[in-house]
């Protein structure tokens, strides 16, 4: 009773195809494939950038660079 046979899955597939249509299912599959491909490319680019990055120095904080010295009037 707990396992589903191949016939149950075929009936579910037919019902989904009747409700959504094959064109919409094809578009959903293409969108999902594009999203997975984009995720893989992003992960690949992230690992490439991480490997080429210079080592970070910890313990020092640099907030900006002084371009010119200004006098403050008190």
PDB file of N, CA and C in Angstrom:
ATOM      1  N   UNK A   1       0.825  -1.193   0.000  1.00  0.00           N
ATOM      2  CA  UNK A   1       0.000   0.000   0.000  1.00  0.00           C
ATOM      3  C   UNK A   1       0.869   1.256   0.000  1.00  0.00           C
ATOM      4  N   UNK A   2       2.065   1.176   0.609  1.00  0.00           N
ATOM      5  CA  UNK A   2       2.911   2.353   0.729  1.00  0.00           C
ATOM      6  C   UNK A   2       3.701   2.664  -0.526  1.00  0.00           C
ATOM      7  N   UNK A   3       3.914   1.687  -1.410  1.00  0.00           N
ATOM      8  CA  UNK A   3       4.702   1.940  -2.612  1.00  0.00           C
ATOM      9  C   UNK A   3       3.785   2.229  -3.787  1.00  0.00           C
ATOM     10  N   UNK A   4       4.272   3.052  -4.684  1.00  0.00           N
ATOM     11  CA  UNK A   4       3.503   3.405  -5.867  1.00  0.00           C
ATOM     12  C   UNK A   4       4.090   2.647  -7.049  1.00  0.00           C
ATOM     13  N   UNK A   5       3.247   2.035  -7.829  1.00  0.00           N
ATOM     14  CA  UNK A   5       3.710   1.295  -9.003  1.00  0.00           C
ATOM     15  C   UNK A   5       3.888   2.257 -10.176  1.00  0.00           C
ATOM     16  N   UNK A   6       4.431   1.735 -11.247  1.00  0.00           N
ATOM     17  CA  UNK A   6       4.639   2.543 -12.443  1.00  0.00           C
ATOM     18  C   UNK A   6       3.311   3.037 -13.004  1.00  0.00           C
ATOM     19  N   UNK A   7       2.235   2.277 -12.822  1.00  0.00           N
ATOM     20  CA  UNK A   7       0.929   2.683 -13.348  1.00  0.00           C
ATOM     21  C   UNK A   7       0.400   3.911 -12.620  1.00  0.00           C
ATOM     22  N   UNK A   8       0.661   4.018 -11.330  1.00  0.00           N
ATOM     23  CA  UNK A   8       0.241   5.216 -10.598  1.00  0.00           C
ATOM     24  C   UNK A   8       0.945   6.458 -11.156  1.00  0.00           C
ATOM     25  N   UNK A   9       2.263   6.338 -11.397  1.00  0.00           N
ATOM     26  CA  UNK A   9       3.021   7.472 -11.905  1.00  0.00           C
ATOM     27  C   UNK A   9       2.591   7.833 -13.324  1.00  0.00           C
ATOM     28  N   UNK A  10       2.251   6.837 -14.149  1.00  0.00           N
ATOM     29  CA  UNK A  10       1.782   7.134 -15.499  1.00  0.00           C
ATOM     30  C   UNK A  10       0.450   7.875 -15.479  1.00  0.00           C
ATOM     31  N   UNK A  11      -0.451   7.498 -14.581  1.00  0.00           N
ATOM     32  CA  UNK A  11      -1.728   8.195 -14.458  1.00  0.00           C
ATOM     33  C   UNK A  11      -1.497   9.638 -14.009  1.00  0.00           C
ATOM     34  N   UNK A  12      -0.619   9.836 -13.054  1.00  0.00           N
ATOM     35  CA  UNK A  12      -0.304  11.197 -12.586  1.00  0.00           C
ATOM     36  C   UNK A  12       0.288  12.013 -13.735  1.00  0.00           C
ATOM     37  N   UNK A  13       1.193  11.427 -14.510  1.00  0.00           N
ATOM     38  CA  UNK A  13       1.802  12.125 -15.638  1.00  0.00           C
ATOM     39  C   UNK A  13       0.756  12.532 -16.680  1.00  0.00           C
ATOM     40  N   UNK A  14      -0.163  11.647 -16.986  1.00  0.00           N
ATOM     41  CA  UNK A  14      -1.220  11.959 -17.956  1.00  0.00           C
ATOM     42  C   UNK A  14      -2.102  13.095 -17.443  1.00  0.00           C
ATOM     43  N   UNK A  15      -2.439  13.068 -16.172  1.00  0.00           N
ATOM     44  CA  UNK A  15      -3.270  14.139 -15.601  1.00  0.00           C
ATOM     45  C   UNK A  15      -2.542  15.474 -15.662  1.00  0.00           C
ATOM     46  N   UNK A  16      -1.255  15.484 -15.329  1.00  0.00           N
ATOM     47  CA  UNK A  16      -0.469  16.729 -15.382  1.00  0.00           C
ATOM     48  C   UNK A  16      -0.383  17.234 -16.814  1.00  0.00           C
ATOM     49  N   UNK A  17      -0.195  16.336 -17.784  1.00  0.00           N
ATOM     50  CA  UNK A  17      -0.116  16.759 -19.188  1.00  0.00           C
ATOM     51  C   UNK A  17      -1.441  17.317 -19.678  1.00  0.00           C
ATOM     52  N   UNK A  18      -2.554  16.766 -19.210  1.00  0.00           N
ATOM     53  CA  UNK A  18      -3.860  17.278 -19.622  1.00  0.00           C
ATOM     54  C   UNK A  18      -4.098  18.657 -19.014  1.00  0.00           C
ATOM     55  N   UNK A  19      -3.704  18.845 -17.769  1.00  0.00           N
ATOM     56  CA  UNK A  19      -3.947  20.131 -17.098  1.00  0.00           C
ATOM     57  C   UNK A  19      -3.054  21.232 -17.670  1.00  0.00           C
ATOM     58  N   UNK A  20      -1.756  20.980 -17.779  1.00  0.00           N
ATOM     59  CA  UNK A  20      -0.815  22.026 -18.171  1.00  0.00           C
ATOM     60  C   UNK A  20      -0.535  22.063 -19.667  1.00  0.00           C
ATOM     61  N   UNK A  21      -0.596  20.952 -20.331  1.00  0.00           N
ATOM     62  CA  UNK A  21      -0.255  20.898 -21.751  1.00  0.00           C
ATOM     63  C   UNK A  21       1.232  20.669 -21.930  1.00  0.00           C
ATOM     64  N   UNK A  22       1.593  20.102 -23.076  1.00  0.00           N
ATOM     65  CA  UNK A  22       2.997  19.749 -23.299  1.00  0.00           C
ATOM     66  C   UNK A  22       3.867  20.972 -23.545  1.00  0.00           C
ATOM     67  N   UNK A  23       3.326  22.019 -24.163  1.00  0.00           N
ATOM     68  CA  UNK A  23       4.135  23.207 -24.450  1.00  0.00           C
ATOM     69  C   UNK A  23       4.568  23.894 -23.162  1.00  0.00           C
ATOM     70  N   UNK A  24       3.654  24.033 -22.219  1.00  0.00           N
ATOM     71  CA  UNK A  24       3.992  24.684 -20.957  1.00  0.00           C
ATOM     72  C   UNK A  24       4.993  23.841 -20.167  1.00  0.00           C
ATOM     73  N   UNK A  25       4.831  22.515 -20.183  1.00  0.00           N
ATOM     74  CA  UNK A  25       5.785  21.644 -19.495  1.00  0.00           C
ATOM     75  C   UNK A  25       7.167  21.739 -20.121  1.00  0.00           C
ATOM     76  N   UNK A  26       7.237  21.862 -21.439  1.00  0.00           N
ATOM     77  CA  UNK A  26       8.516  22.007 -22.129  1.00  0.00           C
ATOM     78  C   UNK A  26       9.186  23.322 -21.726  1.00  0.00           C
ATOM     79  N   UNK A  27       8.400  24.400 -21.640  1.00  0.00           N
ATOM     80  CA  UNK A  27       8.955  25.694 -21.228  1.00  0.00           C
ATOM     81  C   UNK A  27       9.457  25.643 -19.787  1.00  0.00           C
ATOM     82  N   UNK A  28       8.723  24.979 -18.916  1.00  0.00           N
ATOM     83  CA  UNK A  28       9.154  24.855 -17.520  1.00  0.00           C
ATOM     84  C   UNK A  28      10.460  24.083 -17.441  1.00  0.00           C
ATOM     85  N   UNK A  29      10.573  23.000 -18.233  1.00  0.00           N
ATOM     86  CA  UNK A  29      11.806  22.216 -18.252  1.00  0.00           C
ATOM     87  C   UNK A  29      12.981  23.027 -18.756  1.00  0.00           C
ATOM     88  N   UNK A  30      12.779  23.838 -19.793  1.00  0.00           N
ATOM     89  CA  UNK A  30      13.855  24.668 -20.327  1.00  0.00           C
ATOM     90  C   UNK A  30      14.274  25.728 -19.312  1.00  0.00           C
ATOM     91  N   UNK A  31      13.312  26.328 -18.631  1.00  0.00           N
ATOM     92  CA  UNK A  31      13.632  27.329 -17.612  1.00  0.00           C
ATOM     93  C   UNK A  31      14.413  26.717 -16.454  1.00  0.00           C
ATOM     94  N   UNK A  32      13.998  25.539 -16.043  1.00  0.00           N
ATOM     95  CA  UNK A  32      14.686  24.856 -14.944  1.00  0.00           C
ATOM     96  C   UNK A  32      16.106  24.478 -15.355  1.00  0.00           C
ATOM     97  N   UNK A  33      16.281  23.994 -16.572  1.00  0.00           N
ATOM     98  CA  UNK A  33      17.616  23.658 -17.067  1.00  0.00           C
ATOM     99  C   UNK A  33      18.510  24.883 -17.151  1.00  0.00           C
ATOM    100  N   UNK A  34      17.961  26.009 -17.590  1.00  0.00           N
ATOM    101  CA  UNK A  34      18.737  27.250 -17.649  1.00  0.00           C
ATOM    102  C   UNK A  34      19.139  27.738 -16.270  1.00  0.00           C
ATOM    103  N   UNK A  35      18.246  27.569 -15.302  1.00  0.00           N
ATOM    104  CA  UNK A  35      18.571  27.987 -13.939  1.00  0.00           C
ATOM    105  C   UNK A  35      19.677  27.123 -13.350  1.00  0.00           C
ATOM    106  N   UNK A  36      19.625  25.832 -13.595  1.00  0.00           N
ATOM    107  CA  UNK A  36      20.677  24.932 -13.093  1.00  0.00           C
ATOM    108  C   UNK A  36      22.003  25.258 -13.763  1.00  0.00           C
ATOM    109  N   UNK A  37      21.987  25.514 -15.059  1.00  0.00           N
ATOM    110  CA  UNK A  37      23.208  25.858 -15.787  1.00  0.00           C
ATOM    111  C   UNK A  37      23.795  27.167 -15.255  1.00  0.00           C
ATOM    112  N   UNK A  38      22.942  28.159 -15.006  1.00  0.00           N
ATOM    113  CA  UNK A  38      23.420  29.430 -14.458  1.00  0.00           C
ATOM    114  C   UNK A  38      24.010  29.258 -13.068  1.00  0.00           C
ATOM    115  N   UNK A  39      23.397  28.405 -12.261  1.00  0.00           N
ATOM    116  CA  UNK A  39      23.920  28.150 -10.922  1.00  0.00           C
ATOM    117  C   UNK A  39      25.292  27.494 -10.999  1.00  0.00           C
ATOM    118  N   UNK A  40      25.455  26.518 -11.891  1.00  0.00           N
ATOM    119  CA  UNK A  40      26.754  25.849 -12.039  1.00  0.00           C
ATOM    120  C   UNK A  40      27.820  26.825 -12.517  1.00  0.00           C
ATOM    121  N   UNK A  41      27.473  27.691 -13.488  1.00  0.00           N
ATOM    122  CA  UNK A  41      28.434  28.681 -13.975  1.00  0.00           C
ATOM    123  C   UNK A  41      28.821  29.659 -12.873  1.00  0.00           C
ATOM    124  N   UNK A  42      27.862  30.067 -12.072  1.00  0.00           N
ATOM    125  CA  UNK A  42      28.148  30.972 -10.961  1.00  0.00           C
ATOM    126  C   UNK A  42      29.050  30.335  -9.926  1.00  0.00           C
ATOM    127  N   UNK A  43      28.821  29.072  -9.635  1.00  0.00           N
ATOM    128  CA  UNK A  43      29.684  28.374  -8.684  1.00  0.00           C
ATOM    129  C   UNK A  43      31.094  28.235  -9.243  1.00  0.00           C
ATOM    130  N   UNK A  44      31.221  27.974 -10.538  1.00  0.00           N
ATOM    131  CA  UNK A  44      32.521  27.838 -11.171  1.00  0.00           C
ATOM    132  C   UNK A  44      33.266  29.176 -11.139  1.00  0.00           C
ATOM    133  N   UNK A  45      32.575  30.277 -11.442  1.00  0.00           N
ATOM    134  CA  UNK A  45      33.201  31.596 -11.409  1.00  0.00           C
ATOM    135  C   UNK A  45      33.604  31.971  -9.990  1.00  0.00           C
ATOM    136  N   UNK A  46      32.779  31.632  -9.031  1.00  0.00           N
ATOM    137  CA  UNK A  46      33.092  31.928  -7.641  1.00  0.00           C
ATOM    138  C   UNK A  46      34.329  31.196  -7.169  1.00  0.00           C
ATOM    139  N   UNK A  47      34.496  29.948  -7.575  1.00  0.00           N
ATOM    140  CA  UNK A  47      35.681  29.196  -7.160  1.00  0.00           C
ATOM    141  C   UNK A  47      36.919  29.715  -7.879  1.00  0.00           C
ATOM    142  N   UNK A  48      36.780  30.186  -9.126  1.00  0.00           N
ATOM    143  CA  UNK A  48      37.924  30.761  -9.839  1.00  0.00           C
ATOM    144  C   UNK A  48      38.368  32.061  -9.188  1.00  0.00           C
ATOM    145  N   UNK A  49      37.435  32.909  -8.811  1.00  0.00           N
ATOM    146  CA  UNK A  49      37.785  34.171  -8.165  1.00  0.00           C
ATOM    147  C   UNK A  49      38.416  33.935  -6.807  1.00  0.00           C
ATOM    148  N   UNK A  50      37.930  32.939  -6.097  1.00  0.00           N
ATOM    149  CA  UNK A  50      38.465  32.646  -4.770  1.00  0.00           C
ATOM    150  C   UNK A  50      39.898  32.127  -4.866  1.00  0.00           C
ATOM    151  N   UNK A  51      40.209  31.353  -5.895  1.00  0.00           N
ATOM    152  CA  UNK A  51      41.554  30.797  -6.047  1.00  0.00           C
ATOM    153  C   UNK A  51      42.544  31.882  -6.430  1.00  0.00           C
ATOM    154  N   UNK A  52      42.123  32.907  -7.195  1.00  0.00           N
ATOM    155  CA  UNK A  52      43.022  33.957  -7.647  1.00  0.00           C
ATOM    156  C   UNK A  52      43.127  35.121  -6.662  1.00  0.00           C
ATOM    157  N   UNK A  53      42.321  35.137  -5.632  1.00  0.00           N
ATOM    158  CA  UNK A  53      42.295  36.266  -4.703  1.00  0.00           C
ATOM    159  C   UNK A  53      43.559  36.295  -3.849  1.00  0.00           C
ATOM    160  N   UNK A  54      43.995  37.504  -3.534  1.00  0.00           N
ATOM    161  CA  UNK A  54      45.170  37.669  -2.670  1.00  0.00           C
ATOM    162  C   UNK A  54      44.784  37.315  -1.237  1.00  0.00           C
ATOM    163  N   UNK A  55      45.722  36.841  -0.463  1.00  0.00           N
ATOM    164  CA  UNK A  55      45.389  36.513   0.929  1.00  0.00           C
ATOM    165  C   UNK A  55      45.013  37.767   1.700  1.00  0.00           C
ATOM    166  N   UNK A  56      44.064  37.635   2.599  1.00  0.00           N
ATOM    167  CA  UNK A  56      43.582  38.767   3.371  1.00  0.00           C
ATOM    168  C   UNK A  56      44.359  38.878   4.674  1.00  0.00           C
ATOM    169  N   UNK A  57      44.663  40.119   5.051  1.00  0.00           N
ATOM    170  CA  UNK A  57      45.327  40.375   6.320  1.00  0.00           C
ATOM    171  C   UNK A  57      44.240  40.634   7.353  1.00  0.00           C
ATOM    172  N   UNK A  58      44.270  39.892   8.432  1.00  0.00           N
ATOM    173  CA  UNK A  58      43.265  40.080   9.466  1.00  0.00           C
ATOM    174  C   UNK A  58      43.839  40.931  10.589  1.00  0.00           C
ATOM    175  N   UNK A  59      42.962  41.600  11.292  1.00  0.00           N
ATOM    176  CA  UNK A  59      43.391  42.401  12.428  1.00  0.00           C
ATOM    177  C   UNK A  59      43.579  43.871  12.109  1.00  0.00           C
ATOM    178  N   UNK A  60      43.524  44.257  10.841  1.00  0.00           N
ATOM    179  CA  UNK A  60      43.673  45.656  10.461  1.00  0.00           C
ATOM    180  C   UNK A  60      42.444  46.081   9.672  1.00  0.00           C
ATOM    181  N   UNK A  61      41.970  47.287   9.944  1.00  0.00           N
ATOM    182  CA  UNK A  61      40.830  47.807   9.226  1.00  0.00           C
ATOM    183  C   UNK A  61      41.240  49.094   8.517  1.00  0.00           C
ATOM    184  N   UNK A  62      41.040  49.153   7.227  1.00  0.00           N
ATOM    185  CA  UNK A  62      41.337  50.345   6.437  1.00  0.00           C
ATOM    186  C   UNK A  62      40.008  50.847   5.906  1.00  0.00           C
ATOM    187  N   UNK A  63      39.651  52.063   6.272  1.00  0.00           N
ATOM    188  CA  UNK A  63      38.351  52.591   5.880  1.00  0.00           C
ATOM    189  C   UNK A  63      38.418  53.525   4.692  1.00  0.00           C
ATOM    190  N   UNK A  64      39.538  54.097   4.393  1.00  0.00           N
ATOM    191  CA  UNK A  64      39.614  55.005   3.262  1.00  0.00           C
ATOM    192  C   UNK A  64      41.014  55.536   3.095  1.00  0.00           C
ATOM    193  N   UNK A  65      41.183  56.375   2.088  1.00  0.00           N
ATOM    194  CA  UNK A  65      42.482  56.941   1.796  1.00  0.00           C
ATOM    195  C   UNK A  65      42.354  58.453   1.840  1.00  0.00           C
ATOM    196  N   UNK A  66      43.304  59.122   2.489  1.00  0.00           N
ATOM    197  CA  UNK A  66      43.289  60.570   2.599  1.00  0.00           C
ATOM    198  C   UNK A  66      43.940  61.151   1.358  1.00  0.00           C
ATOM    199  N   UNK A  67      43.185  61.973   0.632  1.00  0.00           N
ATOM    200  CA  UNK A  67      43.704  62.591  -0.593  1.00  0.00           C
ATOM    201  C   UNK A  67      44.492  63.862  -0.283  1.00  0.00           C
ATOM    202  N   UNK A  68      43.978  64.674   0.628  1.00  0.00           N
ATOM    203  CA  UNK A  68      44.693  65.904   0.977  1.00  0.00           C
ATOM    204  C   UNK A  68      44.445  66.207   2.454  1.00  0.00           C
ATOM    205  N   UNK A  69      45.358  66.929   3.006  1.00  0.00           N
ATOM    206  CA  UNK A  69      45.265  67.255   4.419  1.00  0.00           C
ATOM    207  C   UNK A  69      44.439  68.538   4.591  1.00  0.00           C
ATOM    208  N   UNK A  70      43.461  68.494   5.448  1.00  0.00           N
ATOM    209  CA  UNK A  70      42.647  69.679   5.680  1.00  0.00           C
ATOM    210  C   UNK A  70      42.787  70.098   7.147  1.00  0.00           C
ATOM    211  N   UNK A  71      42.711  71.402   7.343  1.00  0.00           N
ATOM    212  CA  UNK A  71      42.805  71.935   8.704  1.00  0.00           C
ATOM    213  C   UNK A  71      41.416  72.103   9.263  1.00  0.00           C
ATOM    214  N   UNK A  72      41.227  71.670  10.497  1.00  0.00           N
ATOM    215  CA  UNK A  72      39.932  71.847  11.125  1.00  0.00           C
ATOM    216  C   UNK A  72      40.007  73.051  12.046  1.00  0.00           C
ATOM    217  N   UNK A  73      38.964  73.860  12.049  1.00  0.00           N
ATOM    218  CA  UNK A  73      38.908  75.049  12.904  1.00  0.00           C
ATOM    219  C   UNK A  73      38.041  74.736  14.095  1.00  0.00           C
ATOM    220  N   UNK A  74      38.594  74.915  15.276  1.00  0.00           N
ATOM    221  CA  UNK A  74      37.852  74.611  16.485  1.00  0.00           C
ATOM    222  C   UNK A  74      37.238  75.790  17.115  1.00  0.00           C
TER     223      UNK A  74
END
